[in-house]
Amino acid sequence: MLSGQSVTRETMLSSRPARRWVTSVQTGMAETFQLTLGGTFGDGPAWQSKVTTGLTNAFRAGDTLFIYGWDTFDTPSHSNDYQAGLGYKLPVWRKGVHALALGSGVQYWRFPSVKTGTNDWLIPGNLVFNTKAGKVPVVVTSDSWTLLKSPLPTGSLLHTQGWMEHPLFKRDWVKVTFRHGPAHTYSWNFYGTNGNRVFRYQTMVALSFKEFTLDGGYRKQWGLQPGIRDNTYWQFSLTKSFTK
């Protein structure tokens, strides 16, 4: 019995997916620095970069423990705004083509360009739901942030996006995908704002080859309150991923 139990335990351990260290480095240009609240800052274009590194299958199959840093540099004024954080994501449900993952962590935002300047600590929340509409993959994400400490009024913010994905071209070494969908932002006193802030429709084309992804996007924004301007926004970036 002891021998049998030992074999069973070893078999279970060997069946767990191996831990893997995954890093992505992204850099590119955007029209300007824009918050999900709707406001734009700087004359642009903005050079934006992001580094994310973390451990997948850290505690359970499919989970990720990661840290990240993001920076936006306004090229005319040379002003920098940045954020960094620690996060954890975990798949919690799967049935057929449907899958749900949840995440949270802690983040720090330093945005000198926003109002009188921010120096914020926040708790983020993240929900990712994957499904299909017929043969079309659909991804719905909901990101929330709650301000714990800030020189500006504290509150919470919810940003929800939906993406439909259409493959345009695929070979063994390259894939081209067109993505599009709506986005909406709602605020509960975040930086002193409240209610429905903006509605957007987003489009993006992504070219993936080996460990690289080149993407470009364009979106239209409609302000849902007086003082929030309707505008358009473009961005493109190159991402390289490393796995060990």
C-alpha atoms as a PDB file:
ATOM      1  CA  MET A   1       0.000   0.000   0.000  1.00  0.00           C
ATOM      2  CA  LEU A   2       2.779   2.431   0.905  1.00  0.00           C
ATOM      3  CA  SER A   3       4.554   1.636  -2.343  1.00  0.00           C
ATOM      4  CA  GLY A   4       1.352   2.114  -4.333  1.00  0.00           C
ATOM      5  CA  GLN A   5       0.615   5.452  -2.652  1.00  0.00           C
ATOM      6  CA  SER A   6       4.162   6.623  -3.376  1.00  0.00           C
ATOM      7  CA  VAL A   7       3.854   5.765  -7.054  1.00  0.00           C
ATOM      8  CA  THR A   8       0.507   7.534  -7.279  1.00  0.00           C
ATOM      9  CA  ARG A   9       1.892  10.688  -5.685  1.00  0.00           C
ATOM     10  CA  GLU A  10       4.933  10.704  -7.970  1.00  0.00           C
ATOM     11  CA  THR A  11       2.685  10.231 -10.986  1.00  0.00           C
ATOM     12  CA  MET A  12       0.531  13.191  -9.916  1.00  0.00           C
ATOM     13  CA  LEU A  13       3.578  15.401  -9.418  1.00  0.00           C
ATOM     14  CA  SER A  14       5.059  14.465 -12.793  1.00  0.00           C
ATOM     15  CA  SER A  15       1.751  15.234 -14.533  1.00  0.00           C
ATOM     16  CA  ARG A  16       1.774  18.855 -13.362  1.00  0.00           C
ATOM     17  CA  PRO A  17       2.951  21.315 -16.040  1.00  0.00           C
ATOM     18  CA  ALA A  18       6.491  22.566 -15.518  1.00  0.00           C
ATOM     19  CA  ARG A  19       7.075  26.057 -14.244  1.00  0.00           C
ATOM     20  CA  ARG A  20       8.227  28.413 -16.983  1.00  0.00           C
ATOM     21  CA  TRP A  21       9.692  31.901 -16.841  1.00  0.00           C
ATOM     22  CA  VAL A  22       8.081  34.176 -19.445  1.00  0.00           C
ATOM     23  CA  THR A  23       9.242  37.697 -20.310  1.00  0.00           C
ATOM     24  CA  SER A  24       7.875  40.141 -22.872  1.00  0.00           C
ATOM     25  CA  VAL A  25       9.449  43.429 -23.977  1.00  0.00           C
ATOM     26  CA  GLN A  26       7.277  45.905 -25.884  1.00  0.00           C
ATOM     27  CA  THR A  27       8.054  49.273 -27.447  1.00  0.00           C
ATOM     28  CA  GLY A  28       6.227  51.529 -29.882  1.00  0.00           C
ATOM     29  CA  MET A  29       4.590  54.874 -30.581  1.00  0.00           C
ATOM     30  CA  ALA A  30       1.144  56.263 -29.805  1.00  0.00           C
ATOM     31  CA  GLU A  31      -0.665  59.450 -30.723  1.00  0.00           C
ATOM     32  CA  THR A  32      -0.326  60.689 -27.131  1.00  0.00           C
ATOM     33  CA  PHE A  33      -0.738  59.557 -23.516  1.00  0.00           C
ATOM     34  CA  GLN A  34      -4.441  58.849 -22.877  1.00  0.00           C
ATOM     35  CA  LEU A  35      -6.153  57.587 -19.740  1.00  0.00           C
ATOM     36  CA  THR A  36      -9.085  55.164 -19.801  1.00  0.00           C
ATOM     37  CA  LEU A  37     -11.036  58.057 -18.207  1.00  0.00           C
ATOM     38  CA  GLY A  38     -10.855  59.762 -21.631  1.00  0.00           C
ATOM     39  CA  GLY A  39      -8.388  62.626 -21.184  1.00  0.00           C
ATOM     40  CA  THR A  40      -5.213  63.087 -23.246  1.00  0.00           C
ATOM     41  CA  PHE A  41      -1.919  64.514 -21.965  1.00  0.00           C
ATOM     42  CA  GLY A  42       1.036  65.893 -23.924  1.00  0.00           C
ATOM     43  CA  ASP A  43       1.232  66.966 -27.541  1.00  0.00           C
ATOM     44  CA  GLY A  44       2.476  63.584 -28.778  1.00  0.00           C
ATOM     45  CA  PRO A  45       3.538  61.416 -30.328  1.00  0.00           C
ATOM     46  CA  ALA A  46       4.382  59.384 -27.239  1.00  0.00           C
ATOM     47  CA  TRP A  47       7.037  56.685 -27.113  1.00  0.00           C
ATOM     48  CA  GLN A  48       5.618  53.903 -24.936  1.00  0.00           C
ATOM     49  CA  SER A  49       7.435  50.861 -23.558  1.00  0.00           C
ATOM     50  CA  LYS A  50       6.481  47.947 -21.310  1.00  0.00           C
ATOM     51  CA  VAL A  51       8.366  45.049 -19.736  1.00  0.00           C
ATOM     52  CA  THR A  52       6.563  42.108 -18.107  1.00  0.00           C
ATOM     53  CA  THR A  53       8.237  39.086 -16.550  1.00  0.00           C
ATOM     54  CA  GLY A  54       6.825  36.273 -14.475  1.00  0.00           C
ATOM     55  CA  LEU A  55       6.437  32.619 -13.662  1.00  0.00           C
ATOM     56  CA  THR A  56       3.684  30.519 -15.258  1.00  0.00           C
ATOM     57  CA  ASN A  57       2.364  27.399 -13.493  1.00  0.00           C
ATOM     58  CA  ALA A  58       3.731  29.022 -10.349  1.00  0.00           C
ATOM     59  CA  PHE A  59       1.315  27.416  -7.890  1.00  0.00           C
ATOM     60  CA  ARG A  60      -1.366  25.822 -10.083  1.00  0.00           C
ATOM     61  CA  ALA A  61      -1.647  24.809 -13.727  1.00  0.00           C
ATOM     62  CA  GLY A  62      -2.108  27.843 -15.953  1.00  0.00           C
ATOM     63  CA  ASP A  63      -1.557  30.544 -13.335  1.00  0.00           C
ATOM     64  CA  THR A  64       0.944  33.412 -13.646  1.00  0.00           C
ATOM     65  CA  LEU A  65       2.820  35.437 -11.031  1.00  0.00           C
ATOM     66  CA  PHE A  66       4.378  38.504 -12.655  1.00  0.00           C
ATOM     67  CA  ILE A  67       5.828  41.987 -12.301  1.00  0.00           C
ATOM     68  CA  TYR A  68       5.674  44.748 -14.909  1.00  0.00           C
ATOM     69  CA  GLY A  69       6.760  48.302 -15.672  1.00  0.00           C
ATOM     70  CA  TRP A  70       5.244  50.697 -18.229  1.00  0.00           C
ATOM     71  CA  ASP A  71       6.437  54.132 -19.384  1.00  0.00           C
ATOM     72  CA  THR A  72       5.089  56.797 -21.731  1.00  0.00           C
ATOM     73  CA  PHE A  73       7.469  59.512 -22.975  1.00  0.00           C
ATOM     74  CA  ASP A  74       6.035  62.626 -24.634  1.00  0.00           C
ATOM     75  CA  THR A  75       8.549  63.382 -27.403  1.00  0.00           C
ATOM     76  CA  PRO A  76       7.965  67.187 -27.703  1.00  0.00           C
ATOM     77  CA  SER A  77       8.082  67.973 -23.946  1.00  0.00           C
ATOM     78  CA  HIS A  78      10.299  65.050 -22.821  1.00  0.00           C
ATOM     79  CA  SER A  79       7.920  64.369 -19.907  1.00  0.00           C
ATOM     80  CA  ASN A  80       7.646  60.859 -18.461  1.00  0.00           C
ATOM     81  CA  ASP A  81       4.648  59.143 -16.899  1.00  0.00           C
ATOM     82  CA  TYR A  82       4.991  55.578 -15.652  1.00  0.00           C
ATOM     83  CA  GLN A  83       3.494  52.730 -13.638  1.00  0.00           C
ATOM     84  CA  ALA A  84       4.679  49.424 -12.183  1.00  0.00           C
ATOM     85  CA  GLY A  85       3.116  46.535 -10.357  1.00  0.00           C
ATOM     86  CA  LEU A  86       2.968  42.976  -9.094  1.00  0.00           C
ATOM     87  CA  GLY A  87       0.134  40.705 -10.219  1.00  0.00           C
ATOM     88  CA  TYR A  88      -1.282  37.199 -10.131  1.00  0.00           C
ATOM     89  CA  LYS A  89      -3.698  35.587 -12.615  1.00  0.00           C
ATOM     90  CA  LEU A  90      -5.481  32.267 -12.218  1.00  0.00           C
ATOM     91  CA  PRO A  91      -7.821  30.297 -14.530  1.00  0.00           C
ATOM     92  CA  VAL A  92     -10.901  29.473 -12.458  1.00  0.00           C
ATOM     93  CA  TRP A  93     -13.401  27.869 -14.845  1.00  0.00           C
ATOM     94  CA  ARG A  94     -13.526  26.117 -18.213  1.00  0.00           C
ATOM     95  CA  LYS A  95     -16.344  24.397 -20.071  1.00  0.00           C
ATOM     96  CA  GLY A  96     -16.137  23.642 -23.775  1.00  0.00           C
ATOM     97  CA  VAL A  97     -15.122  26.818 -25.624  1.00  0.00           C
ATOM     98  CA  HIS A  98     -15.738  28.973 -22.536  1.00  0.00           C
ATOM     99  CA  ALA A  99     -12.981  29.899 -20.067  1.00  0.00           C
ATOM    100  CA  LEU A 100     -12.701  32.392 -17.218  1.00  0.00           C
ATOM    101  CA  ALA A 101      -9.582  33.746 -15.488  1.00  0.00           C
ATOM    102  CA  LEU A 102      -9.289  36.202 -12.580  1.00  0.00           C
ATOM    103  CA  GLY A 103      -6.413  38.331 -11.348  1.00  0.00           C
ATOM    104  CA  SER A 104      -5.339  40.981  -8.846  1.00  0.00           C
ATOM    105  CA  GLY A 105      -2.208  42.459  -7.281  1.00  0.00           C
ATOM    106  CA  VAL A 106      -0.844  45.892  -6.370  1.00  0.00           C
ATOM    107  CA  GLN A 107       0.200  48.797  -8.625  1.00  0.00           C
ATOM    108  CA  TYR A 108       2.009  52.125  -8.355  1.00  0.00           C
ATOM    109  CA  TRP A 109       1.214  55.003 -10.747  1.00  0.00           C
ATOM    110  CA  ARG A 110       3.336  58.141 -11.150  1.00  0.00           C
ATOM    111  CA  PHE A 111       1.722  60.495 -13.689  1.00  0.00           C
ATOM    112  CA  PRO A 112       3.181  64.052 -13.423  1.00  0.00           C
ATOM    113  CA  SER A 113       1.209  65.075 -16.536  1.00  0.00           C
ATOM    114  CA  VAL A 114      -2.236  64.302 -15.031  1.00  0.00           C
ATOM    115  CA  LYS A 115      -3.841  67.282 -13.267  1.00  0.00           C
ATOM    116  CA  THR A 116      -1.528  68.334 -10.396  1.00  0.00           C
ATOM    117  CA  GLY A 117       0.396  65.061 -10.645  1.00  0.00           C
ATOM    118  CA  THR A 118      -0.353  61.608  -9.272  1.00  0.00           C
ATOM    119  CA  ASN A 119       1.578  59.471  -6.805  1.00  0.00           C
ATOM    120  CA  ASP A 120      -0.810  56.547  -6.429  1.00  0.00           C
ATOM    121  CA  TRP A 121      -1.066  53.102  -4.879  1.00  0.00           C
ATOM    122  CA  LEU A 122      -3.863  50.939  -6.260  1.00  0.00           C
ATOM    123  CA  ILE A 123      -5.428  47.501  -6.047  1.00  0.00           C
ATOM    124  CA  PRO A 124      -6.281  46.191  -9.541  1.00  0.00           C
ATOM    125  CA  GLY A 125      -8.814  43.539 -10.487  1.00  0.00           C
ATOM    126  CA  ASN A 126      -8.883  41.635 -13.765  1.00  0.00           C
ATOM    127  CA  LEU A 127     -11.411  39.307 -15.400  1.00  0.00           C
ATOM    128  CA  VAL A 128     -10.820  37.596 -18.752  1.00  0.00           C
ATOM    129  CA  PHE A 129     -13.582  35.572 -20.419  1.00  0.00           C
ATOM    130  CA  ASN A 130     -12.830  33.626 -23.607  1.00  0.00           C
ATOM    131  CA  THR A 131     -15.529  32.099 -25.796  1.00  0.00           C
ATOM    132  CA  LYS A 132     -16.621  31.786 -29.428  1.00  0.00           C
ATOM    133  CA  ALA A 133     -19.465  33.290 -31.429  1.00  0.00           C
ATOM    134  CA  GLY A 134     -19.849  30.585 -34.023  1.00  0.00           C
ATOM    135  CA  LYS A 135     -16.290  30.176 -35.291  1.00  0.00           C
ATOM    136  CA  VAL A 136     -15.159  33.653 -34.221  1.00  0.00           C
ATOM    137  CA  PRO A 137     -13.060  33.827 -31.015  1.00  0.00           C
ATOM    138  CA  VAL A 138     -14.364  36.435 -28.551  1.00  0.00           C
ATOM    139  CA  VAL A 139     -12.447  37.847 -25.580  1.00  0.00           C
ATOM    140  CA  VAL A 140     -14.113  40.010 -22.910  1.00  0.00           C
ATOM    141  CA  THR A 141     -11.876  41.734 -20.357  1.00  0.00           C
ATOM    142  CA  SER A 142     -12.890  43.776 -17.339  1.00  0.00           C
ATOM    143  CA  ASP A 143     -10.197  45.729 -15.485  1.00  0.00           C
ATOM    144  CA  SER A 144     -10.856  47.598 -12.257  1.00  0.00           C
ATOM    145  CA  TRP A 145      -8.644  49.846 -10.141  1.00  0.00           C
ATOM    146  CA  THR A 146      -9.261  51.066  -6.605  1.00  0.00           C
ATOM    147  CA  LEU A 147      -7.130  53.939  -5.333  1.00  0.00           C
ATOM    148  CA  LEU A 148      -5.687  53.261  -1.879  1.00  0.00           C
ATOM    149  CA  LYS A 149      -3.565  56.410  -1.691  1.00  0.00           C
ATOM    150  CA  SER A 150      -3.376  59.421  -3.999  1.00  0.00           C
ATOM    151  CA  PRO A 151      -2.988  63.233  -3.857  1.00  0.00           C
ATOM    152  CA  LEU A 152      -6.133  63.287  -6.019  1.00  0.00           C
ATOM    153  CA  PRO A 153      -9.626  62.117  -4.924  1.00  0.00           C
ATOM    154  CA  THR A 154      -9.718  58.369  -4.370  1.00  0.00           C
ATOM    155  CA  GLY A 155     -12.293  56.010  -5.834  1.00  0.00           C
ATOM    156  CA  SER A 156     -12.690  53.123  -8.251  1.00  0.00           C
ATOM    157  CA  LEU A 157     -12.639  52.718 -12.025  1.00  0.00           C
ATOM    158  CA  LEU A 158     -13.977  49.984 -14.315  1.00  0.00           C
ATOM    159  CA  HIS A 159     -12.796  49.518 -17.913  1.00  0.00           C
ATOM    160  CA  THR A 160     -14.534  46.816 -19.967  1.00  0.00           C
ATOM    161  CA  GLN A 161     -13.517  45.690 -23.449  1.00  0.00           C
ATOM    162  CA  GLY A 162     -14.765  43.134 -25.953  1.00  0.00           C
ATOM    163  CA  TRP A 163     -12.637  41.804 -28.810  1.00  0.00           C
ATOM    164  CA  MET A 164     -13.567  39.652 -31.810  1.00  0.00           C
ATOM    165  CA  GLU A 165     -10.682  38.004 -33.648  1.00  0.00           C
ATOM    166  CA  HIS A 166     -10.569  37.206 -37.368  1.00  0.00           C
ATOM    167  CA  PRO A 167      -7.569  35.353 -38.850  1.00  0.00           C
ATOM    168  CA  LEU A 168      -6.523  36.962 -42.128  1.00  0.00           C
ATOM    169  CA  PHE A 169      -3.484  34.850 -42.994  1.00  0.00           C
ATOM    170  CA  LYS A 170      -1.722  31.887 -41.403  1.00  0.00           C
ATOM    171  CA  ARG A 171       1.350  29.825 -42.238  1.00  0.00           C
ATOM    172  CA  ASP A 172       3.695  27.778 -40.076  1.00  0.00           C
ATOM    173  CA  TRP A 173       5.892  30.780 -39.252  1.00  0.00           C
ATOM    174  CA  VAL A 174       3.563  33.776 -39.556  1.00  0.00           C
ATOM    175  CA  LYS A 175       0.003  34.750 -38.626  1.00  0.00           C
ATOM    176  CA  VAL A 176      -2.019  37.910 -39.315  1.00  0.00           C
ATOM    177  CA  THR A 177      -5.079  38.645 -37.170  1.00  0.00           C
ATOM    178  CA  PHE A 178      -7.663  41.437 -37.268  1.00  0.00           C
ATOM    179  CA  ARG A 179      -9.251  42.337 -33.919  1.00  0.00           C
ATOM    180  CA  HIS A 180     -12.069  44.773 -33.206  1.00  0.00           C
ATOM    181  CA  GLY A 181     -14.633  45.556 -30.533  1.00  0.00           C
ATOM    182  CA  PRO A 182     -16.157  48.070 -28.090  1.00  0.00           C
ATOM    183  CA  ALA A 183     -14.810  49.476 -24.827  1.00  0.00           C
ATOM    184  CA  HIS A 184     -16.473  51.409 -21.979  1.00  0.00           C
ATOM    185  CA  THR A 185     -15.243  53.188 -18.837  1.00  0.00           C
ATOM    186  CA  TYR A 186     -17.219  53.886 -15.642  1.00  0.00           C
ATOM    187  CA  SER A 187     -15.907  55.796 -12.611  1.00  0.00           C
ATOM    188  CA  TRP A 188     -16.820  56.006  -8.921  1.00  0.00           C
ATOM    189  CA  ASN A 189     -15.029  59.230  -7.841  1.00  0.00           C
ATOM    190  CA  PHE A 190     -11.725  58.107  -9.396  1.00  0.00           C
ATOM    191  CA  TYR A 191      -9.660  61.331  -9.577  1.00  0.00           C
ATOM    192  CA  GLY A 192     -12.926  63.113  -8.735  1.00  0.00           C
ATOM    193  CA  THR A 193     -14.823  61.779 -11.763  1.00  0.00           C
ATOM    194  CA  ASN A 194     -18.119  59.892 -11.701  1.00  0.00           C
ATOM    195  CA  GLY A 195     -20.419  57.954 -13.979  1.00  0.00           C
ATOM    196  CA  ASN A 196     -20.118  56.862 -17.606  1.00  0.00           C
ATOM    197  CA  ARG A 197     -16.953  58.407 -19.027  1.00  0.00           C
ATOM    198  CA  VAL A 198     -16.267  57.176 -22.571  1.00  0.00           C
ATOM    199  CA  PHE A 199     -17.334  54.654 -25.174  1.00  0.00           C
ATOM    200  CA  ARG A 200     -14.796  53.500 -27.750  1.00  0.00           C
ATOM    201  CA  TYR A 201     -14.665  51.240 -30.764  1.00  0.00           C
ATOM    202  CA  GLN A 202     -11.235  49.708 -31.257  1.00  0.00           C
ATOM    203  CA  THR A 203      -9.549  48.047 -34.237  1.00  0.00           C
ATOM    204  CA  MET A 204      -6.161  46.354 -34.453  1.00  0.00           C
ATOM    205  CA  VAL A 205      -4.096  44.279 -36.887  1.00  0.00           C
ATOM    206  CA  ALA A 206      -1.454  41.962 -35.382  1.00  0.00           C
ATOM    207  CA  LEU A 207       1.360  40.255 -37.299  1.00  0.00           C
ATOM    208  CA  SER A 208       2.967  37.386 -35.337  1.00  0.00           C
ATOM    209  CA  PHE A 209       6.152  35.609 -36.413  1.00  0.00           C
ATOM    210  CA  LYS A 210       8.227  33.378 -34.144  1.00  0.00           C
ATOM    211  CA  GLU A 211       8.639  35.221 -30.814  1.00  0.00           C
ATOM    212  CA  PHE A 212       7.751  38.659 -32.283  1.00  0.00           C
ATOM    213  CA  THR A 213       4.386  40.432 -32.602  1.00  0.00           C
ATOM    214  CA  LEU A 214       3.943  43.662 -34.570  1.00  0.00           C
ATOM    215  CA  ASP A 215       0.574  45.337 -34.084  1.00  0.00           C
ATOM    216  CA  GLY A 216      -1.098  48.578 -35.031  1.00  0.00           C
ATOM    217  CA  GLY A 217      -4.398  49.948 -33.816  1.00  0.00           C
ATOM    218  CA  TYR A 218      -6.900  52.745 -34.392  1.00  0.00           C
ATOM    219  CA  ARG A 219      -9.896  53.648 -32.255  1.00  0.00           C
ATOM    220  CA  LYS A 220     -12.697  56.175 -32.059  1.00  0.00           C
ATOM    221  CA  GLN A 221     -13.777  57.686 -28.733  1.00  0.00           C
ATOM    222  CA  TRP A 222     -17.117  59.241 -27.838  1.00  0.00           C
ATOM    223  CA  GLY A 223     -17.305  61.278 -24.638  1.00  0.00           C
ATOM    224  CA  LEU A 224     -20.319  60.438 -22.464  1.00  0.00           C
ATOM    225  CA  GLN A 225     -20.129  63.569 -20.305  1.00  0.00           C
ATOM    226  CA  PRO A 226     -19.731  67.293 -21.020  1.00  0.00           C
ATOM    227  CA  GLY A 227     -16.074  68.237 -21.270  1.00  0.00           C
ATOM    228  CA  ILE A 228     -14.902  64.842 -22.582  1.00  0.00           C
ATOM    229  CA  ARG A 229     -13.900  65.270 -26.194  1.00  0.00           C
ATOM    230  CA  ASP A 230     -14.711  62.895 -29.002  1.00  0.00           C
ATOM    231  CA  ASN A 231     -11.444  61.926 -30.636  1.00  0.00           C
ATOM    232  CA  THR A 232      -9.490  59.305 -32.527  1.00  0.00           C
ATOM    233  CA  TYR A 233      -6.319  57.531 -31.448  1.00  0.00           C
ATOM    234  CA  TRP A 234      -3.613  55.478 -33.149  1.00  0.00           C
ATOM    235  CA  GLN A 235      -0.794  53.324 -31.819  1.00  0.00           C
ATOM    236  CA  PHE A 236       1.661  50.650 -32.964  1.00  0.00           C
ATOM    237  CA  SER A 237       4.145  48.463 -31.105  1.00  0.00           C
ATOM    238  CA  LEU A 238       6.626  45.616 -31.448  1.00  0.00           C
ATOM    239  CA  THR A 239       6.708  42.879 -28.781  1.00  0.00           C
ATOM    240  CA  LYS A 240       9.330  40.188 -28.261  1.00  0.00           C
ATOM    241  CA  SER A 241       8.658  37.245 -25.905  1.00  0.00           C
ATOM    242  CA  PHE A 242      11.178  35.021 -24.153  1.00  0.00           C
ATOM    243  CA  THR A 243      10.426  31.708 -22.442  1.00  0.00           C
ATOM    244  CA  LYS A 244      12.694  29.582 -20.253  1.00  0.00           C
END
